[in-house]
PDB file of N, CA and C in Angstrom:
ATOM      1  N   MET A   1     127.181 152.396 105.018  1.00  0.00           N
ATOM      2  CA  MET A   1     127.747 153.483 105.807  1.00  0.00           C
ATOM      3  C   MET A   1     126.636 154.129 106.618  1.00  0.00           C
ATOM      4  N   GLN A   2     126.963 154.476 107.841  1.00  0.00           N
ATOM      5  CA  GLN A   2     125.982 155.172 108.673  1.00  0.00           C
ATOM      6  C   GLN A   2     126.694 156.069 109.683  1.00  0.00           C
ATOM      7  N   PHE A   3     126.072 157.187 109.981  1.00  0.00           N
ATOM      8  CA  PHE A   3     126.595 158.078 111.006  1.00  0.00           C
ATOM      9  C   PHE A   3     126.068 157.605 112.351  1.00  0.00           C
ATOM     10  N   ILE A   4     126.966 157.489 113.314  1.00  0.00           N
ATOM     11  CA  ILE A   4     126.555 157.002 114.630  1.00  0.00           C
ATOM     12  C   ILE A   4     126.642 158.084 115.699  1.00  0.00           C
ATOM     13  N   ASN A   5     127.235 159.230 115.374  1.00  0.00           N
ATOM     14  CA  ASN A   5     127.343 160.303 116.356  1.00  0.00           C
ATOM     15  C   ASN A   5     127.581 161.604 115.617  1.00  0.00           C
ATOM     16  N   THR A   6     126.897 162.641 116.008  1.00  0.00           N
ATOM     17  CA  THR A   6     127.141 163.950 115.417  1.00  0.00           C
ATOM     18  C   THR A   6     127.059 165.008 116.501  1.00  0.00           C
ATOM     19  N   GLN A   7     127.827 166.069 116.321  1.00  0.00           N
ATOM     20  CA  GLN A   7     127.781 167.190 117.252  1.00  0.00           C
ATOM     21  C   GLN A   7     128.334 168.428 116.562  1.00  0.00           C
ATOM     22  N   ILE A   8     127.973 169.567 117.087  1.00  0.00           N
ATOM     23  CA  ILE A   8     128.560 170.833 116.658  1.00  0.00           C
ATOM     24  C   ILE A   8     129.233 171.427 117.877  1.00  0.00           C
ATOM     25  N   LYS A   9     130.512 171.714 117.725  1.00  0.00           N
ATOM     26  CA  LYS A   9     131.272 172.268 118.840  1.00  0.00           C
ATOM     27  C   LYS A   9     132.247 173.300 118.285  1.00  0.00           C
ATOM     28  N   ALA A  10     132.177 174.516 118.821  1.00  0.00           N
ATOM     29  CA  ALA A  10     133.074 175.606 118.429  1.00  0.00           C
ATOM     30  C   ALA A  10     133.039 175.861 116.927  1.00  0.00           C
ATOM     31  N   GLY A  11     131.844 175.774 116.341  1.00  0.00           N
ATOM     32  CA  GLY A  11     131.689 176.076 114.918  1.00  0.00           C
ATOM     33  C   GLY A  11     132.112 174.958 113.987  1.00  0.00           C
ATOM     34  N   ILE A  12     132.385 173.785 114.532  1.00  0.00           N
ATOM     35  CA  ILE A  12     132.792 172.643 113.708  1.00  0.00           C
ATOM     36  C   ILE A  12     131.811 171.504 113.929  1.00  0.00           C
ATOM     37  N   TRP A  13     131.214 171.050 112.831  1.00  0.00           N
ATOM     38  CA  TRP A  13     130.341 169.891 112.901  1.00  0.00           C
ATOM     39  C   TRP A  13     131.209 168.649 112.808  1.00  0.00           C
ATOM     40  N   GLN A  14     130.894 167.649 113.655  1.00  0.00           N
ATOM     41  CA  GLN A  14     131.653 166.399 113.666  1.00  0.00           C
ATOM     42  C   GLN A  14     130.695 165.224 113.634  1.00  0.00           C
ATOM     43  N   GLY A  15     131.069 164.215 112.875  1.00  0.00           N
ATOM     44  CA  GLY A  15     130.286 162.993 112.822  1.00  0.00           C
ATOM     45  C   GLY A  15     131.198 161.797 112.746  1.00  0.00           C
ATOM     46  N   ASP A  16     130.710 160.670 113.243  1.00  0.00           N
ATOM     47  CA  ASP A  16     131.449 159.415 113.168  1.00  0.00           C
ATOM     48  C   ASP A  16     130.777 158.538 112.135  1.00  0.00           C
ATOM     49  N   LEU A  17     131.544 158.111 111.150  1.00  0.00           N
ATOM     50  CA  LEU A  17     131.021 157.294 110.066  1.00  0.00           C
ATOM     51  C   LEU A  17     131.486 155.859 110.238  1.00  0.00           C
ATOM     52  N   ALA A  18     130.531 154.939 110.382  1.00  0.00           N
ATOM     53  CA  ALA A  18     130.848 153.519 110.571  1.00  0.00           C
ATOM     54  C   ALA A  18     130.620 152.756 109.278  1.00  0.00           C
ATOM     55  N   ASP A  19     131.248 151.603 109.190  1.00  0.00           N
ATOM     56  CA  ASP A  19     131.061 150.696 108.051  1.00  0.00           C
ATOM     57  C   ASP A  19     131.414 151.336 106.721  1.00  0.00           C
ATOM     58  N   ALA A  20     132.488 152.133 106.710  1.00  0.00           N
ATOM     59  CA  ALA A  20     132.880 152.830 105.489  1.00  0.00           C
ATOM     60  C   ALA A  20     134.108 152.214 104.826  1.00  0.00           C
ATOM     61  N   GLY A  21     134.682 151.173 105.426  1.00  0.00           N
ATOM     62  CA  GLY A  21     135.850 150.526 104.839  1.00  0.00           C
ATOM     63  C   GLY A  21     137.144 151.222 105.215  1.00  0.00           C
ATOM     64  N   ASP A  22     138.229 150.770 104.570  1.00  0.00           N
ATOM     65  CA  ASP A  22     139.555 151.303 104.891  1.00  0.00           C
ATOM     66  C   ASP A  22     139.936 152.527 104.072  1.00  0.00           C
ATOM     67  N   ALA A  23     139.352 152.669 102.888  1.00  0.00           N
ATOM     68  CA  ALA A  23     139.655 153.833 102.049  1.00  0.00           C
ATOM     69  C   ALA A  23     138.850 155.036 102.539  1.00  0.00           C
ATOM     70  N   ALA A  24     139.473 156.200 102.449  1.00  0.00           N
ATOM     71  CA  ALA A  24     138.790 157.421 102.891  1.00  0.00           C
ATOM     72  C   ALA A  24     137.483 157.600 102.120  1.00  0.00           C
ATOM     73  N   PRO A  25     136.384 157.830 102.829  1.00  0.00           N
ATOM     74  CA  PRO A  25     135.095 157.991 102.150  1.00  0.00           C
ATOM     75  C   PRO A  25     135.056 159.287 101.346  1.00  0.00           C
ATOM     76  N   ASP A  26     134.384 159.227 100.212  1.00  0.00           N
ATOM     77  CA  ASP A  26     134.222 160.405  99.360  1.00  0.00           C
ATOM     78  C   ASP A  26     132.892 161.058  99.731  1.00  0.00           C
ATOM     79  N   LEU A  27     132.949 161.970 100.688  1.00  0.00           N
ATOM     80  CA  LEU A  27     131.741 162.617 101.195  1.00  0.00           C
ATOM     81  C   LEU A  27     131.643 164.054 100.727  1.00  0.00           C
ATOM     82  N   ARG A  28     130.400 164.506 100.661  1.00  0.00           N
ATOM     83  CA  ARG A  28     130.128 165.903 100.349  1.00  0.00           C
ATOM     84  C   ARG A  28     129.193 166.442 101.418  1.00  0.00           C
ATOM     85  N   ILE A  29     129.496 167.623 101.901  1.00  0.00           N
ATOM     86  CA  ILE A  29     128.588 168.316 102.809  1.00  0.00           C
ATOM     87  C   ILE A  29     128.238 169.626 102.131  1.00  0.00           C
ATOM     88  N   THR A  30     126.943 169.841 101.933  1.00  0.00           N
ATOM     89  CA  THR A  30     126.498 171.023 101.196  1.00  0.00           C
ATOM     90  C   THR A  30     125.479 171.814 102.008  1.00  0.00           C
ATOM     91  N   HIS A  31     125.421 173.096 101.693  1.00  0.00           N
ATOM     92  CA  HIS A  31     124.409 173.998 102.247  1.00  0.00           C
ATOM     93  C   HIS A  31     123.836 174.754 101.065  1.00  0.00           C
ATOM     94  N   LEU A  32     122.542 174.573 100.817  1.00  0.00           N
ATOM     95  CA  LEU A  32     121.873 175.175  99.659  1.00  0.00           C
ATOM     96  C   LEU A  32     122.611 174.852  98.362  1.00  0.00           C
ATOM     97  N   GLY A  33     123.107 173.618  98.286  1.00  0.00           N
ATOM     98  CA  GLY A  33     123.788 173.160  97.082  1.00  0.00           C
ATOM     99  C   GLY A  33     125.251 173.535  96.973  1.00  0.00           C
ATOM    100  N   GLN A  34     125.730 174.373  97.883  1.00  0.00           N
ATOM    101  CA  GLN A  34     127.129 174.792  97.845  1.00  0.00           C
ATOM    102  C   GLN A  34     127.975 173.873  98.715  1.00  0.00           C
ATOM    103  N   PRO A  35     129.062 173.305  98.151  1.00  0.00           N
ATOM    104  CA  PRO A  35     129.881 172.377  98.936  1.00  0.00           C
ATOM    105  C   PRO A  35     130.751 173.079  99.968  1.00  0.00           C
ATOM    106  N   LEU A  36     131.010 172.370 101.056  1.00  0.00           N
ATOM    107  CA  LEU A  36     131.915 172.830 102.102  1.00  0.00           C
ATOM    108  C   LEU A  36     133.119 171.894 102.127  1.00  0.00           C
ATOM    109  N   ASP A  37     134.214 172.332 102.726  1.00  0.00           N
ATOM    110  CA  ASP A  37     135.423 171.506 102.824  1.00  0.00           C
ATOM    111  C   ASP A  37     135.265 170.471 103.929  1.00  0.00           C
ATOM    112  N   VAL A  38     135.355 169.197 103.557  1.00  0.00           N
ATOM    113  CA  VAL A  38     135.160 168.082 104.477  1.00  0.00           C
ATOM    114  C   VAL A  38     136.510 167.461 104.824  1.00  0.00           C
ATOM    115  N   THR A  39     136.671 167.115 106.099  1.00  0.00           N
ATOM    116  CA  THR A  39     137.863 166.405 106.559  1.00  0.00           C
ATOM    117  C   THR A  39     137.444 165.043 107.097  1.00  0.00           C
ATOM    118  N   CYS A  40     138.143 163.985 106.650  1.00  0.00           N
ATOM    119  CA  CYS A  40     137.890 162.625 107.129  1.00  0.00           C
ATOM    120  C   CYS A  40     139.192 162.050 107.675  1.00  0.00           C
ATOM    121  N   GLU A  41     139.149 161.600 108.930  1.00  0.00           N
ATOM    122  CA  GLU A  41     140.320 160.992 109.564  1.00  0.00           C
ATOM    123  C   GLU A  41     139.927 159.635 110.129  1.00  0.00           C
ATOM    124  N   LYS A  42     140.734 158.627 109.836  1.00  0.00           N
ATOM    125  CA  LYS A  42     140.463 157.264 110.303  1.00  0.00           C
ATOM    126  C   LYS A  42     140.802 157.131 111.785  1.00  0.00           C
ATOM    127  N   ASP A  43     139.907 156.517 112.543  1.00  0.00           N
ATOM    128  CA  ASP A  43     140.144 156.168 113.944  1.00  0.00           C
ATOM    129  C   ASP A  43     140.214 154.650 114.006  1.00  0.00           C
ATOM    130  N   PRO A  44     141.420 154.081 113.859  1.00  0.00           N
ATOM    131  CA  PRO A  44     141.529 152.625 113.793  1.00  0.00           C
ATOM    132  C   PRO A  44     141.120 151.918 115.085  1.00  0.00           C
ATOM    133  N   ALA A  45     141.233 152.594 116.213  1.00  0.00           N
ATOM    134  CA  ALA A  45     140.860 151.970 117.487  1.00  0.00           C
ATOM    135  C   ALA A  45     139.363 151.639 117.533  1.00  0.00           C
ATOM    136  N   HIS A  46     138.555 152.466 116.890  1.00  0.00           N
ATOM    137  CA  HIS A  46     137.110 152.257 116.906  1.00  0.00           C
ATOM    138  C   HIS A  46     136.567 151.836 115.539  1.00  0.00           C
ATOM    139  N   ASP A  47     137.454 151.711 114.546  1.00  0.00           N
ATOM    140  CA  ASP A  47     137.087 151.330 113.185  1.00  0.00           C
ATOM    141  C   ASP A  47     135.994 152.234 112.611  1.00  0.00           C
ATOM    142  N   ILE A  48     136.214 153.537 112.762  1.00  0.00           N
ATOM    143  CA  ILE A  48     135.294 154.538 112.217  1.00  0.00           C
ATOM    144  C   ILE A  48     136.101 155.656 111.571  1.00  0.00           C
ATOM    145  N   TRP A  49     135.417 156.453 110.792  1.00  0.00           N
ATOM    146  CA  TRP A  49     136.003 157.663 110.224  1.00  0.00           C
ATOM    147  C   TRP A  49     135.427 158.865 110.960  1.00  0.00           C
ATOM    148  N   ARG A  50     136.293 159.753 111.416  1.00  0.00           N
ATOM    149  CA  ARG A  50     135.874 161.009 112.043  1.00  0.00           C
ATOM    150  C   ARG A  50     135.733 162.039 110.929  1.00  0.00           C
ATOM    151  N   VAL A  51     134.517 162.497 110.726  1.00  0.00           N
ATOM    152  CA  VAL A  51     134.208 163.450 109.662  1.00  0.00           C
ATOM    153  C   VAL A  51     133.960 164.803 110.306  1.00  0.00           C
ATOM    154  N   SER A  52     134.538 165.847 109.737  1.00  0.00           N
ATOM    155  CA  SER A  52     134.306 167.183 110.294  1.00  0.00           C
ATOM    156  C   SER A  52     134.261 168.220 109.178  1.00  0.00           C
ATOM    157  N   VAL A  53     133.561 169.299 109.466  1.00  0.00           N
ATOM    158  CA  VAL A  53     133.482 170.425 108.545  1.00  0.00           C
ATOM    159  C   VAL A  53     133.345 171.699 109.376  1.00  0.00           C
ATOM    160  N   SER A  54     134.108 172.683 109.016  1.00  0.00           N
ATOM    161  CA  SER A  54     134.013 173.986 109.661  1.00  0.00           C
ATOM    162  C   SER A  54     132.831 174.733 109.048  1.00  0.00           C
ATOM    163  N   ILE A  55     131.947 175.226 109.893  1.00  0.00           N
ATOM    164  CA  ILE A  55     130.765 175.935 109.403  1.00  0.00           C
ATOM    165  C   ILE A  55     131.135 177.410 109.239  1.00  0.00           C
ATOM    166  N   PRO A  56     131.136 177.916 108.001  1.00  0.00           N
ATOM    167  CA  PRO A  56     131.484 179.324 107.791  1.00  0.00           C
ATOM    168  C   PRO A  56     130.496 180.249 108.503  1.00  0.00           C
ATOM    169  N   THR A  57     131.007 181.285 109.123  1.00  0.00           N
ATOM    170  CA  THR A  57     130.142 182.217 109.850  1.00  0.00           C
ATOM    171  C   THR A  57     129.125 182.875 108.930  1.00  0.00           C
ATOM    172  N   ALA A  58     129.444 183.007 107.662  1.00  0.00           N
ATOM    173  CA  ALA A  58     128.509 183.618 106.713  1.00  0.00           C
ATOM    174  C   ALA A  58     127.241 182.784 106.538  1.00  0.00           C
ATOM    175  N   LEU A  59     127.291 181.511 106.887  1.00  0.00           N
ATOM    176  CA  LEU A  59     126.128 180.643 106.735  1.00  0.00           C
ATOM    177  C   LEU A  59     125.240 180.613 107.971  1.00  0.00           C
ATOM    178  N   ILE A  60     125.671 181.245 109.044  1.00  0.00           N
ATOM    179  CA  ILE A  60     124.874 181.281 110.274  1.00  0.00           C
ATOM    180  C   ILE A  60     124.047 182.559 110.258  1.00  0.00           C
ATOM    181  N   SER A  61     122.723 182.377 110.168  1.00  0.00           N
ATOM    182  CA  SER A  61     121.824 183.525 110.120  1.00  0.00           C
ATOM    183  C   SER A  61     120.472 183.127 110.689  1.00  0.00           C
ATOM    184  N   ASP A  62     119.567 184.089 110.778  1.00  0.00           N
ATOM    185  CA  ASP A  62     118.239 183.828 111.324  1.00  0.00           C
ATOM    186  C   ASP A  62     117.545 182.701 110.568  1.00  0.00           C
ATOM    187  N   GLY A  63     116.800 181.921 111.312  1.00  0.00           N
ATOM    188  CA  GLY A  63     116.021 180.854 110.706  1.00  0.00           C
ATOM    189  C   GLY A  63     116.720 179.519 110.789  1.00  0.00           C
ATOM    190  N   LEU A  64     116.299 178.620 109.937  1.00  0.00           N
ATOM    191  CA  LEU A  64     116.816 177.257 109.900  1.00  0.00           C
ATOM    192  C   LEU A  64     117.799 177.108 108.750  1.00  0.00           C
ATOM    193  N   GLN A  65     119.005 176.661 109.051  1.00  0.00           N
ATOM    194  CA  GLN A  65     120.019 176.388 108.039  1.00  0.00           C
ATOM    195  C   GLN A  65     120.290 174.883 108.076  1.00  0.00           C
ATOM    196  N   THR A  66     120.075 174.206 106.957  1.00  0.00           N
ATOM    197  CA  THR A  66     120.241 172.761 106.897  1.00  0.00           C
ATOM    198  C   THR A  66     121.429 172.403 106.022  1.00  0.00           C
ATOM    199  N   PHE A  67     122.224 171.461 106.505  1.00  0.00           N
ATOM    200  CA  PHE A  67     123.403 170.977 105.798  1.00  0.00           C
ATOM    201  C   PHE A  67     123.163 169.500 105.480  1.00  0.00           C
ATOM    202  N   VAL A  68     123.570 169.078 104.292  1.00  0.00           N
ATOM    203  CA  VAL A  68     123.320 167.714 103.842  1.00  0.00           C
ATOM    204  C   VAL A  68     124.652 166.989 103.665  1.00  0.00           C
ATOM    205  N   VAL A  69     124.745 165.801 104.258  1.00  0.00           N
ATOM    206  CA  VAL A  69     125.929 164.951 104.120  1.00  0.00           C
ATOM    207  C   VAL A  69     125.556 163.843 103.137  1.00  0.00           C
ATOM    208  N   SER A  70     126.304 163.733 102.037  1.00  0.00           N
ATOM    209  CA  SER A  70     125.998 162.724 101.031  1.00  0.00           C
ATOM    210  C   SER A  70     127.264 162.028 100.566  1.00  0.00           C
ATOM    211  N   ASP A  71     127.074 160.863  99.962  1.00  0.00           N
ATOM    212  CA  ASP A  71     128.218 160.134  99.424  1.00  0.00           C
ATOM    213  C   ASP A  71     128.459 160.557  97.980  1.00  0.00           C
ATOM    214  N   SER A  72     129.423 159.926  97.324  1.00  0.00           N
ATOM    215  CA  SER A  72     129.805 160.321  95.971  1.00  0.00           C
ATOM    216  C   SER A  72     128.683 160.117  94.956  1.00  0.00           C
ATOM    217  N   SER A  73     127.747 159.207  95.255  1.00  0.00           N
ATOM    218  CA  SER A  73     126.630 158.979  94.329  1.00  0.00           C
ATOM    219  C   SER A  73     125.478 159.957  94.549  1.00  0.00           C
ATOM    220  N   GLY A  74     125.590 160.782  95.586  1.00  0.00           N
ATOM    221  CA  GLY A  74     124.538 161.748  95.877  1.00  0.00           C
ATOM    222  C   GLY A  74     123.522 161.269  96.886  1.00  0.00           C
ATOM    223  N   ARG A  75     123.694 160.055  97.400  1.00  0.00           N
ATOM    224  CA  ARG A  75     122.767 159.511  98.399  1.00  0.00           C
ATOM    225  C   ARG A  75     122.974 160.231  99.726  1.00  0.00           C
ATOM    226  N   THR A  76     121.907 160.716 100.322  1.00  0.00           N
ATOM    227  CA  THR A  76     121.981 161.420 101.596  1.00  0.00           C
ATOM    228  C   THR A  76     122.249 160.428 102.719  1.00  0.00           C
ATOM    229  N   LEU A  77     123.320 160.692 103.472  1.00  0.00           N
ATOM    230  CA  LEU A  77     123.680 159.850 104.609  1.00  0.00           C
ATOM    231  C   LEU A  77     123.205 160.445 105.925  1.00  0.00           C
ATOM    232  N   SER A  78     123.186 161.774 105.989  1.00  0.00           N
ATOM    233  CA  SER A  78     122.802 162.452 107.216  1.00  0.00           C
ATOM    234  C   SER A  78     122.522 163.915 106.897  1.00  0.00           C
ATOM    235  N   THR A  79     121.910 164.592 107.834  1.00  0.00           N
ATOM    236  CA  THR A  79     121.726 166.040 107.755  1.00  0.00           C
ATOM    237  C   THR A  79     121.952 166.612 109.142  1.00  0.00           C
ATOM    238  N   PHE A  80     122.268 167.877 109.187  1.00  0.00           N
ATOM    239  CA  PHE A  80     122.291 168.588 110.463  1.00  0.00           C
ATOM    240  C   PHE A  80     121.825 170.001 110.215  1.00  0.00           C
ATOM    241  N   SER A  81     121.266 170.595 111.243  1.00  0.00           N
ATOM    242  CA  SER A  81     120.667 171.916 111.102  1.00  0.00           C
ATOM    243  C   SER A  81     121.116 172.838 112.213  1.00  0.00           C
ATOM    244  N   ILE A  82     121.099 174.117 111.903  1.00  0.00           N
ATOM    245  CA  ILE A  82     121.347 175.162 112.893  1.00  0.00           C
ATOM    246  C   ILE A  82     120.125 176.066 112.870  1.00  0.00           C
ATOM    247  N   ILE A  83     119.558 176.302 114.034  1.00  0.00           N
ATOM    248  CA  ILE A  83     118.393 177.169 114.156  1.00  0.00           C
ATOM    249  C   ILE A  83     118.795 178.361 115.010  1.00  0.00           C
ATOM    250  N   ALA A  84     118.525 179.568 114.509  1.00  0.00           N
ATOM    251  CA  ALA A  84     118.935 180.761 115.252  1.00  0.00           C
ATOM    252  C   ALA A  84     118.006 181.934 114.959  1.00  0.00           C
ATOM    253  N   GLY A  85     118.072 182.907 115.841  1.00  0.00           N
ATOM    254  CA  GLY A  85     117.437 184.186 115.582  1.00  0.00           C
ATOM    255  C   GLY A  85     116.061 184.370 116.175  1.00  0.00           C
ATOM    256  N   GLU A  86     115.568 185.573 116.055  1.00  0.00           N
ATOM    257  CA  GLU A  86     114.282 185.974 116.596  1.00  0.00           C
ATOM    258  C   GLU A  86     113.092 185.280 115.933  1.00  0.00           C
ATOM    259  N   PRO A  87     113.094 185.041 114.619  1.00  0.00           N
ATOM    260  CA  PRO A  87     111.930 184.360 114.039  1.00  0.00           C
ATOM    261  C   PRO A  87     111.656 183.012 114.701  1.00  0.00           C
ATOM    262  N   LEU A  88     112.689 182.367 115.180  1.00  0.00           N
ATOM    263  CA  LEU A  88     112.544 181.078 115.838  1.00  0.00           C
ATOM    264  C   LEU A  88     111.726 181.207 117.120  1.00  0.00           C
ATOM    265  N   ALA A  89     111.952 182.255 117.873  1.00  0.00           N
ATOM    266  CA  ALA A  89     111.246 182.425 119.140  1.00  0.00           C
ATOM    267  C   ALA A  89     109.739 182.474 118.922  1.00  0.00           C
ATOM    268  N   ASP A  90     109.287 183.178 117.893  1.00  0.00           N
ATOM    269  CA  ASP A  90     107.854 183.249 117.603  1.00  0.00           C
ATOM    270  C   ASP A  90     107.309 181.887 117.206  1.00  0.00           C
ATOM    271  N   ASP A  91     108.058 181.150 116.399  1.00  0.00           N
ATOM    272  CA  ASP A  91     107.622 179.819 115.994  1.00  0.00           C
ATOM    273  C   ASP A  91     107.492 178.896 117.195  1.00  0.00           C
ATOM    274  N   LEU A  92     108.470 178.929 118.089  1.00  0.00           N
ATOM    275  CA  LEU A  92     108.436 178.055 119.261  1.00  0.00           C
ATOM    276  C   LEU A  92     107.289 178.421 120.192  1.00  0.00           C
ATOM    277  N   ARG A  93     107.051 179.709 120.373  1.00  0.00           N
ATOM    278  CA  ARG A  93     105.936 180.120 121.230  1.00  0.00           C
ATOM    279  C   ARG A  93     104.613 179.638 120.657  1.00  0.00           C
ATOM    280  N   ALA A  94     104.454 179.734 119.351  1.00  0.00           N
ATOM    281  CA  ALA A  94     103.216 179.272 118.711  1.00  0.00           C
ATOM    282  C   ALA A  94     103.062 177.762 118.871  1.00  0.00           C
ATOM    283  N   GLU A  95     104.136 177.006 118.680  1.00  0.00           N
ATOM    284  CA  GLU A  95     104.084 175.554 118.836  1.00  0.00           C
ATOM    285  C   GLU A  95     103.753 175.163 120.276  1.00  0.00           C
ATOM    286  N   ILE A  96     104.346 175.836 121.238  1.00  0.00           N
ATOM    287  CA  ILE A  96     104.075 175.529 122.646  1.00  0.00           C
ATOM    288  C   ILE A  96     102.616 175.843 122.978  1.00  0.00           C
ATOM    289  N   SER A  97     102.096 176.926 122.448  1.00  0.00           N
ATOM    290  CA  SER A  97     100.705 177.278 122.673  1.00  0.00           C
ATOM    291  C   SER A  97      99.774 176.208 122.102  1.00  0.00           C
ATOM    292  N   LEU A  98     100.081 175.726 120.889  1.00  0.00           N
ATOM    293  CA  LEU A  98      99.263 174.659 120.295  1.00  0.00           C
ATOM    294  C   LEU A  98      99.332 173.384 121.133  1.00  0.00           C
ATOM    295  N   LEU A  99     100.523 173.045 121.595  1.00  0.00           N
ATOM    296  CA  LEU A  99     100.667 171.852 122.430  1.00  0.00           C
ATOM    297  C   LEU A  99      99.884 171.977 123.730  1.00  0.00           C
ATOM    298  N   ARG A 100      99.900 173.159 124.333  1.00  0.00           N
ATOM    299  CA  ARG A 100      99.135 173.364 125.569  1.00  0.00           C
ATOM    300  C   ARG A 100      97.640 173.205 125.315  1.00  0.00           C
ATOM    301  N   ASN A 101      97.167 173.777 124.193  1.00  0.00           N
ATOM    302  CA  ASN A 101      95.745 173.648 123.860  1.00  0.00           C
ATOM    303  C   ASN A 101      95.356 172.189 123.641  1.00  0.00           C
ATOM    304  N   GLU A 102      96.191 171.441 122.948  1.00  0.00           N
ATOM    305  CA  GLU A 102      95.902 170.025 122.719  1.00  0.00           C
ATOM    306  C   GLU A 102      95.929 169.245 124.024  1.00  0.00           C
ATOM    307  N   LEU A 103      96.848 169.573 124.905  1.00  0.00           N
ATOM    308  CA  LEU A 103      96.914 168.906 126.202  1.00  0.00           C
ATOM    309  C   LEU A 103      95.652 169.195 127.012  1.00  0.00           C
ATOM    310  N   ASP A 104      95.175 170.424 126.969  1.00  0.00           N
ATOM    311  CA  ASP A 104      93.935 170.766 127.672  1.00  0.00           C
ATOM    312  C   ASP A 104      92.761 169.942 127.135  1.00  0.00           C
ATOM    313  N   LEU A 105      92.690 169.795 125.803  1.00  0.00           N
ATOM    314  CA  LEU A 105      91.616 168.998 125.210  1.00  0.00           C
ATOM    315  C   LEU A 105      91.710 167.537 125.655  1.00  0.00           C
ATOM    316  N   LEU A 106      92.918 167.009 125.691  1.00  0.00           N
ATOM    317  CA  LEU A 106      93.109 165.630 126.133  1.00  0.00           C
ATOM    318  C   LEU A 106      92.720 165.460 127.600  1.00  0.00           C
ATOM    319  N   GLN A 107      93.043 166.432 128.438  1.00  0.00           N
ATOM    320  CA  GLN A 107      92.681 166.345 129.852  1.00  0.00           C
ATOM    321  C   GLN A 107      91.174 166.319 130.033  1.00  0.00           C
ATOM    322  N   VAL A 108      90.472 167.184 129.311  1.00  0.00           N
ATOM    323  CA  VAL A 108      89.015 167.222 129.411  1.00  0.00           C
ATOM    324  C   VAL A 108      88.423 165.895 128.944  1.00  0.00           C
ATOM    325  N   ALA A 109      88.904 165.381 127.815  1.00  0.00           N
ATOM    326  CA  ALA A 109      88.386 164.118 127.285  1.00  0.00           C
ATOM    327  C   ALA A 109      88.691 162.963 128.239  1.00  0.00           C
ATOM    328  N   PHE A 110      89.878 162.951 128.828  1.00  0.00           N
ATOM    329  CA  PHE A 110      90.248 161.884 129.752  1.00  0.00           C
ATOM    330  C   PHE A 110      89.383 161.936 131.007  1.00  0.00           C
ATOM    331  N   ARG A 111      89.171 163.109 131.540  1.00  0.00           N
ATOM    332  CA  ARG A 111      88.324 163.242 132.744  1.00  0.00           C
ATOM    333  C   ARG A 111      86.886 162.819 132.446  1.00  0.00           C
ATOM    334  N   ARG A 112      86.395 163.180 131.260  1.00  0.00           N
ATOM    335  CA  ARG A 112      85.043 162.788 130.876  1.00  0.00           C
ATOM    336  C   ARG A 112      84.962 161.271 130.762  1.00  0.00           C
ATOM    337  N   HIS A 113      85.976 160.668 130.168  1.00  0.00           N
ATOM    338  CA  HIS A 113      86.005 159.212 130.023  1.00  0.00           C
ATOM    339  C   HIS A 113      86.026 158.528 131.384  1.00  0.00           C
ATOM    340  N   CYS A 114      86.829 159.036 132.309  1.00  0.00           N
ATOM    341  CA  CYS A 114      86.923 158.453 133.659  1.00  0.00           C
ATOM    342  C   CYS A 114      85.601 158.608 134.407  1.00  0.00           C
ATOM    343  N   ALA A 115      84.925 159.735 134.224  1.00  0.00           N
ATOM    344  CA  ALA A 115      83.653 159.974 134.917  1.00  0.00           C
ATOM    345  C   ALA A 115      82.560 159.062 134.390  1.00  0.00           C
ATOM    346  N   GLU A 116      82.628 158.713 133.100  1.00  0.00           N
ATOM    347  CA  GLU A 116      81.611 157.847 132.507  1.00  0.00           C
ATOM    348  C   GLU A 116      81.774 156.403 132.943  1.00  0.00           C
ATOM    349  N   ASN A 117      82.983 156.007 133.286  1.00  0.00           N
ATOM    350  CA  ASN A 117      83.250 154.598 133.646  1.00  0.00           C
ATOM    351  C   ASN A 117      83.174 154.404 135.100  1.00  0.00           C
TER     352      ASN A 117
END
């Protein structure tokens, strides 16, 4: 089984599950170990299962929220995350600053290398 497409639209996460057979897959989607209600609908035209879960508004908060999609044996098939809030802005600014500094170092090293050759 493998997920071939995932998206979040209007508070509902959706994924397409391929190679899952004809019987409805026994999937679990959890957030911090708490299960969510999963819906699986067969799409016979494409031979996939359309998997969806409504994301409760109580689970949307500042920071990174990760959801885990697993099968009945507990094997992780996929994950999806929601990132929100002000703490994220500071993290992104710091990462962009580090990337700019590294790019500057690479430019200097590349120019030095070109000048030597």
